[in-house]
Amino acid sequence: MPTPTCVWDLKATLGEGPIWHGDAVWFVDIKGHRVHCYDPATGATQSFEAPDQVTFIAPIDDDDAFLAGLKSGWHHFDPKVGSFTHFGEIEPAHLDNRPNDSTVDARGRLWFGTMHDGEENASGALYRLDAEGPHVRIDDGICITNGPAVSPDGKTLYHTDTLAKTIWAFDVADDGSVSNKRVFAQVEIDDAWPDGSVVDSEGYLWTALWGGYGVLRFSPEGQIVDKIPLPVPNVTKPCFGGPNLKTLYFTTARKGLSDETLAAHPQAGGLFAVDVDVAGQPQYEVRLDLP
């Protein structure tokens, strides 16, 4: 597998949440309070300032805007004017939580997690948001949630407890209810923790490694079958993009790295890309009636 190249050396503090939408890669810098957009056809870039920590964005059905998860709550993000409009709380402020990672399934449901902003308390939870009403808690007791991802048939949800180095799997019913929580995989690599994930069109799970200089590919049975190395320590999440969904993009982070490590890995915090043989799944849109 070839080594990914840095396509945008923007030095994000905590690059996260890449998605492919409108022939471009959209992603966030959580601690930098920014939404970024990269057009691979032209190399053009855009950046938008958010009101506070923006942790994910998801395209909205029948709209040229996004649903955005911020520490301060739900926002409607309109890139045409760069505006963020707050319309709801996600969790009570006293928890000092923020949302983290998310994914959208083929039915337009948003799956997302929350985490303790100080990375100390197991106050994070996993939620589902759909058109029927407010977000529904489906798992909890987690300090750092990560990597919600859904299989191509929509029947399996993957979710990561980063500090426990555990990737869980759930069965998903047609109505979005989940059952049969089980260990999908344990990442038994020293000084590396599983971060964001994405599932390709063959049902294999790609999981980024915080501190692990790369991304692992797991079979549907939970076995590691491949690894893509990256030239930076903290890889946060992959996504598929390009005309045939055969380019993997990766966000990375500078957060937590010493000056010595940053000097040795100057592209930390950049956006990376590599071509692969197996295509990803499309980026689905959230189907909600938003204010």
Protein backbone atom coordinates (compact mmCIF):
# COMPACT_ATOMS: atom_id res chain seq x y z
CA MET A 1 0.00 0.00 0.00
CA PRO A 2 1.53 3.36 -0.97
CA THR A 3 2.14 6.00 1.69
CA PRO A 4 -0.44 8.79 1.68
CA THR A 5 0.69 12.26 0.66
CA CYS A 6 -0.17 15.51 2.41
CA VAL A 7 -2.58 17.45 0.18
CA TRP A 8 -3.11 20.35 2.60
CA ASP A 9 -0.47 21.18 5.18
CA LEU A 10 -2.76 23.33 7.31
CA LYS A 11 -1.36 22.20 10.68
CA ALA A 12 -4.73 21.66 12.36
CA THR A 13 -4.63 21.38 16.13
CA LEU A 14 -7.27 18.62 16.10
CA GLY A 15 -8.33 17.81 12.55
CA GLU A 16 -11.37 15.52 12.57
CA GLY A 17 -14.59 14.37 10.91
CA PRO A 18 -13.75 14.31 7.16
CA ILE A 19 -16.66 13.75 4.76
CA TRP A 20 -16.93 13.82 0.97
CA HIS A 21 -19.63 16.21 -0.21
CA GLY A 22 -20.04 18.28 -3.37
CA ASP A 23 -16.81 16.95 -4.94
CA ALA A 24 -14.79 18.22 -1.98
CA VAL A 25 -13.49 17.06 1.39
CA TRP A 26 -15.07 18.84 4.35
CA PHE A 27 -13.62 18.48 7.85
CA VAL A 28 -13.17 20.33 11.13
CA ASP A 29 -10.44 21.49 13.46
CA ILE A 30 -12.14 20.99 16.81
CA LYS A 31 -9.72 22.97 18.96
CA GLY A 32 -9.11 25.52 16.19
CA HIS A 33 -12.86 26.27 15.94
CA ARG A 34 -12.80 25.91 12.15
CA VAL A 35 -14.58 24.09 9.34
CA HIS A 36 -12.34 23.44 6.35
CA CYS A 37 -13.03 22.49 2.71
CA TYR A 38 -10.55 21.09 0.19
CA ASP A 39 -11.29 20.73 -3.55
CA PRO A 40 -8.92 18.08 -4.96
CA ALA A 41 -9.68 19.00 -8.58
CA THR A 42 -8.36 22.55 -8.21
CA GLY A 43 -6.48 22.50 -4.92
CA ALA A 44 -8.69 25.33 -3.69
CA THR A 45 -9.30 25.60 0.04
CA GLN A 46 -11.82 27.39 2.24
CA SER A 47 -12.00 27.85 6.00
CA PHE A 48 -14.91 29.01 8.16
CA GLU A 49 -14.73 30.20 11.75
CA ALA A 50 -17.13 28.52 14.18
CA PRO A 51 -18.52 30.03 17.42
CA ASP A 52 -16.75 27.39 19.54
CA GLN A 53 -15.53 23.80 19.29
CA VAL A 54 -17.10 22.34 16.15
CA THR A 55 -16.75 18.56 16.19
CA PHE A 56 -18.60 17.30 13.11
CA ILE A 57 -20.71 18.44 10.18
CA ALA A 58 -23.19 16.39 8.15
CA PRO A 59 -24.93 17.43 4.93
CA ILE A 60 -28.66 18.08 5.14
CA ASP A 61 -31.11 16.57 2.65
CA ASP A 62 -32.59 19.14 0.21
CA ASP A 63 -30.31 21.89 1.51
CA ASP A 64 -26.90 23.27 0.61
CA ALA A 65 -26.07 23.51 4.31
CA PHE A 66 -24.94 21.24 7.12
CA LEU A 67 -26.01 20.06 10.52
CA ALA A 68 -23.12 20.90 12.85
CA GLY A 69 -22.36 19.55 16.30
CA LEU A 70 -20.66 22.08 18.58
CA LYS A 71 -19.92 22.04 22.29
CA SER A 72 -22.64 24.67 22.65
CA GLY A 73 -25.20 22.47 20.89
CA TRP A 74 -26.86 21.91 17.52
CA HIS A 75 -26.18 24.45 14.78
CA HIS A 76 -27.27 24.99 11.19
CA PHE A 77 -24.10 25.77 9.22
CA ASP A 78 -24.53 27.63 5.92
CA PRO A 79 -21.22 27.77 4.01
CA LYS A 80 -22.62 30.23 1.46
CA VAL A 81 -22.44 32.96 4.10
CA GLY A 82 -20.33 31.20 6.71
CA SER A 83 -23.05 31.39 9.37
CA PHE A 84 -23.74 29.11 12.34
CA THR A 85 -27.28 29.25 13.75
CA HIS A 86 -27.85 27.61 17.14
CA PHE A 87 -31.13 25.75 17.60
CA GLY A 88 -30.79 23.25 20.43
CA GLU A 89 -28.88 21.68 23.29
CA ILE A 90 -27.22 18.29 22.91
CA GLU A 91 -26.42 17.53 26.57
CA PRO A 92 -26.62 19.56 29.80
CA ALA A 93 -23.78 22.05 30.11
CA HIS A 94 -22.83 20.90 33.63
CA LEU A 95 -21.43 17.64 32.21
CA ASP A 96 -18.70 19.63 30.40
CA ASN A 97 -19.17 17.29 27.46
CA ARG A 98 -18.93 17.97 23.76
CA PRO A 99 -19.93 15.89 20.74
CA ASN A 100 -17.10 14.12 18.94
CA ASP A 101 -17.51 11.84 15.92
CA SER A 102 -20.51 11.03 13.72
CA THR A 103 -21.81 9.21 10.67
CA VAL A 104 -25.01 9.19 8.59
CA ASP A 105 -26.60 5.93 7.45
CA ALA A 106 -28.50 5.25 4.22
CA ARG A 107 -31.83 6.06 5.95
CA GLY A 108 -30.62 9.55 6.80
CA ARG A 109 -30.15 8.87 10.51
CA LEU A 110 -27.26 10.55 12.30
CA TRP A 111 -25.22 8.45 14.73
CA PHE A 112 -22.91 10.42 16.99
CA GLY A 113 -21.08 10.30 20.28
CA THR A 114 -20.31 12.73 23.06
CA MET A 115 -17.26 12.85 25.32
CA HIS A 116 -15.91 14.66 28.35
CA ASP A 117 -14.06 17.72 27.07
CA GLY A 118 -11.33 17.29 29.69
CA GLU A 119 -10.97 13.59 28.77
CA GLU A 120 -11.33 12.54 32.42
CA ASN A 121 -14.93 11.51 33.16
CA ALA A 122 -16.88 8.60 31.67
CA SER A 123 -19.80 10.94 30.93
CA GLY A 124 -19.89 10.39 27.17
CA ALA A 125 -22.64 8.57 25.34
CA LEU A 126 -23.67 7.27 21.92
CA TYR A 127 -26.82 8.66 20.28
CA ARG A 128 -29.09 8.31 17.27
CA LEU A 129 -30.85 11.30 15.72
CA ASP A 130 -33.62 10.82 13.18
CA ALA A 131 -36.65 12.63 11.81
CA GLU A 132 -38.98 11.21 14.46
CA GLY A 133 -37.76 13.41 17.31
CA PRO A 134 -34.92 14.31 19.67
CA HIS A 135 -31.71 12.30 19.78
CA VAL A 136 -31.95 8.93 21.53
CA ARG A 137 -29.23 7.60 23.84
CA ILE A 138 -28.20 4.07 22.94
CA ASP A 139 -25.01 3.55 24.97
CA ASP A 140 -23.16 5.42 27.71
CA GLY A 141 -20.42 5.31 30.35
CA ILE A 142 -17.65 6.28 27.91
CA CYS A 143 -14.96 8.94 28.32
CA ILE A 144 -13.97 9.35 24.66
CA THR A 145 -16.47 8.09 22.08
CA ASN A 146 -15.31 7.66 18.52
CA GLY A 147 -15.82 6.09 15.15
CA PRO A 148 -19.52 5.47 14.66
CA ALA A 149 -19.76 3.74 11.29
CA VAL A 150 -22.41 1.60 9.61
CA SER A 151 -22.09 -1.49 7.41
CA PRO A 152 -23.23 -1.32 3.75
CA ASP A 153 -26.40 -3.31 4.50
CA GLY A 154 -27.23 -0.97 7.40
CA LYS A 155 -27.51 -3.86 9.85
CA THR A 156 -24.33 -3.35 11.87
CA LEU A 157 -23.21 -0.26 13.79
CA TYR A 158 -19.60 0.08 14.91
CA HIS A 159 -18.65 2.31 17.82
CA THR A 160 -15.30 2.91 19.53
CA ASP A 161 -14.36 3.41 23.17
CA THR A 162 -10.98 5.00 22.53
CA LEU A 163 -9.44 4.78 26.00
CA ALA A 164 -10.52 1.13 26.37
CA LYS A 165 -9.02 0.43 22.90
CA THR A 166 -12.25 -1.38 22.06
CA ILE A 167 -14.38 -1.30 18.92
CA TRP A 168 -17.93 -2.45 19.62
CA ALA A 169 -20.52 -3.77 17.18
CA PHE A 170 -24.31 -3.59 17.50
CA ASP A 171 -27.15 -5.09 15.47
CA VAL A 172 -29.37 -2.37 13.97
CA ALA A 173 -33.09 -2.97 13.35
CA ASP A 174 -35.09 -1.22 10.64
CA ASP A 175 -36.43 1.30 13.16
CA GLY A 176 -32.90 2.21 14.31
CA SER A 177 -33.02 0.36 17.62
CA VAL A 178 -29.83 -1.52 18.50
CA SER A 179 -29.13 -4.80 20.27
CA ASN A 180 -26.51 -7.51 20.74
CA LYS A 181 -23.63 -5.26 21.80
CA ARG A 182 -20.40 -7.20 21.38
CA VAL A 183 -16.66 -6.68 21.07
CA PHE A 184 -15.73 -6.38 17.41
CA ALA A 185 -12.00 -5.83 17.93
CA GLN A 186 -9.40 -4.83 20.51
CA VAL A 187 -6.49 -2.67 19.34
CA GLU A 188 -3.56 -4.22 21.15
CA ILE A 189 -0.85 -1.84 19.97
CA ASP A 190 1.36 -0.03 22.46
CA ASP A 191 0.91 3.76 22.58
CA ALA A 192 -1.86 3.68 19.95
CA TRP A 193 -5.61 4.15 20.40
CA PRO A 194 -8.46 3.60 17.92
CA ASP A 195 -10.00 6.86 16.71
CA GLY A 196 -12.47 7.60 13.90
CA SER A 197 -13.67 4.94 11.45
CA VAL A 198 -15.33 4.43 8.08
CA VAL A 199 -16.70 1.30 6.36
CA ASP A 200 -15.90 0.56 2.71
CA SER A 201 -18.25 -0.95 0.13
CA GLU A 202 -17.06 -4.48 0.95
CA GLY A 203 -17.96 -4.06 4.61
CA TYR A 204 -14.40 -3.69 5.91
CA LEU A 205 -13.82 -1.18 8.71
CA TRP A 206 -10.98 1.35 8.43
CA THR A 207 -9.96 2.79 11.82
CA ALA A 208 -7.50 5.62 12.42
CA LEU A 209 -4.83 5.26 15.12
CA TRP A 210 -4.16 8.10 17.53
CA GLY A 211 -0.45 7.75 18.30
CA GLY A 212 -0.17 4.85 15.88
CA TYR A 213 1.06 6.47 12.66
CA GLY A 214 -1.56 4.91 10.45
CA VAL A 215 -4.94 3.35 9.75
CA LEU A 216 -6.01 -0.27 10.22
CA ARG A 217 -8.37 -2.21 7.97
CA PHE A 218 -10.51 -4.82 9.72
CA SER A 219 -12.45 -7.63 8.05
CA PRO A 220 -16.17 -7.97 8.89
CA GLU A 221 -15.03 -10.68 11.35
CA GLY A 222 -12.81 -8.21 13.23
CA GLN A 223 -9.43 -9.35 11.94
CA ILE A 224 -6.72 -6.84 10.92
CA VAL A 225 -6.07 -7.42 7.22
CA ASP A 226 -4.12 -4.30 6.23
CA LYS A 227 -2.51 -1.13 7.53
CA ILE A 228 -1.78 2.14 5.77
CA PRO A 229 1.16 3.95 7.40
CA LEU A 230 1.17 7.74 7.68
CA PRO A 231 4.18 9.99 8.39
CA VAL A 232 2.51 11.61 11.42
CA PRO A 233 1.61 10.15 14.83
CA ASN A 234 -1.99 11.22 15.44
CA VAL A 235 -4.35 10.05 12.69
CA THR A 236 -7.94 10.89 13.59
CA LYS A 237 -10.33 9.69 10.90
CA PRO A 238 -10.49 8.42 7.29
CA CYS A 239 -13.13 9.06 4.65
CA PHE A 240 -13.61 7.96 1.05
CA GLY A 241 -13.80 10.51 -1.74
CA GLY A 242 -13.04 11.21 -5.36
CA PRO A 243 -15.16 10.50 -8.46
CA ASN A 244 -15.18 6.74 -7.82
CA LEU A 245 -14.89 6.92 -4.03
CA LYS A 246 -11.49 5.25 -4.32
CA THR A 247 -9.41 7.92 -2.62
CA LEU A 248 -8.95 7.69 1.13
CA TYR A 249 -8.52 11.00 2.93
CA PHE A 250 -7.22 11.25 6.48
CA THR A 251 -7.40 14.03 9.04
CA THR A 252 -4.58 14.32 11.56
CA ALA A 253 -3.74 16.34 14.68
CA ARG A 254 -0.93 18.24 16.38
CA LYS A 255 -2.65 18.16 19.77
CA GLY A 256 -0.55 16.57 22.50
CA LEU A 257 2.67 16.40 20.49
CA SER A 258 5.91 17.79 21.92
CA ASP A 259 7.98 20.41 20.11
CA GLU A 260 10.53 17.69 19.39
CA THR A 261 7.90 15.40 17.85
CA LEU A 262 6.43 18.25 15.79
CA ALA A 263 9.89 19.10 14.46
CA ALA A 264 10.36 15.47 13.41
CA HIS A 265 6.86 15.29 11.87
CA PRO A 266 6.18 18.78 10.48
CA GLN A 267 3.10 17.71 8.47
CA ALA A 268 1.19 16.73 11.62
CA GLY A 269 -2.25 18.31 11.46
CA GLY A 270 -2.37 18.06 7.66
CA LEU A 271 -4.94 16.46 5.37
CA PHE A 272 -3.58 13.34 3.64
CA ALA A 273 -4.79 11.25 0.69
CA VAL A 274 -4.03 7.93 -0.99
CA ASP A 275 -5.70 5.93 -3.78
CA VAL A 276 -7.08 2.49 -2.89
CA ASP A 277 -8.56 -0.45 -4.80
CA VAL A 278 -11.86 -0.80 -2.93
CA ALA A 279 -14.39 2.02 -3.06
CA GLY A 280 -16.11 3.52 -0.05
CA GLN A 281 -19.79 4.09 0.56
CA PRO A 282 -21.51 7.33 -0.47
CA GLN A 283 -21.79 10.19 2.01
CA TYR A 284 -25.46 10.14 2.98
CA GLU A 285 -27.45 13.22 3.94
CA VAL A 286 -29.30 13.80 7.20
CA ARG A 287 -33.07 13.68 6.72
CA LEU A 288 -34.46 16.09 9.27
CA ASP A 289 -36.77 19.08 9.40
CA LEU A 290 -34.45 21.66 10.92
CA PRO A 291 -35.35 25.18 12.06
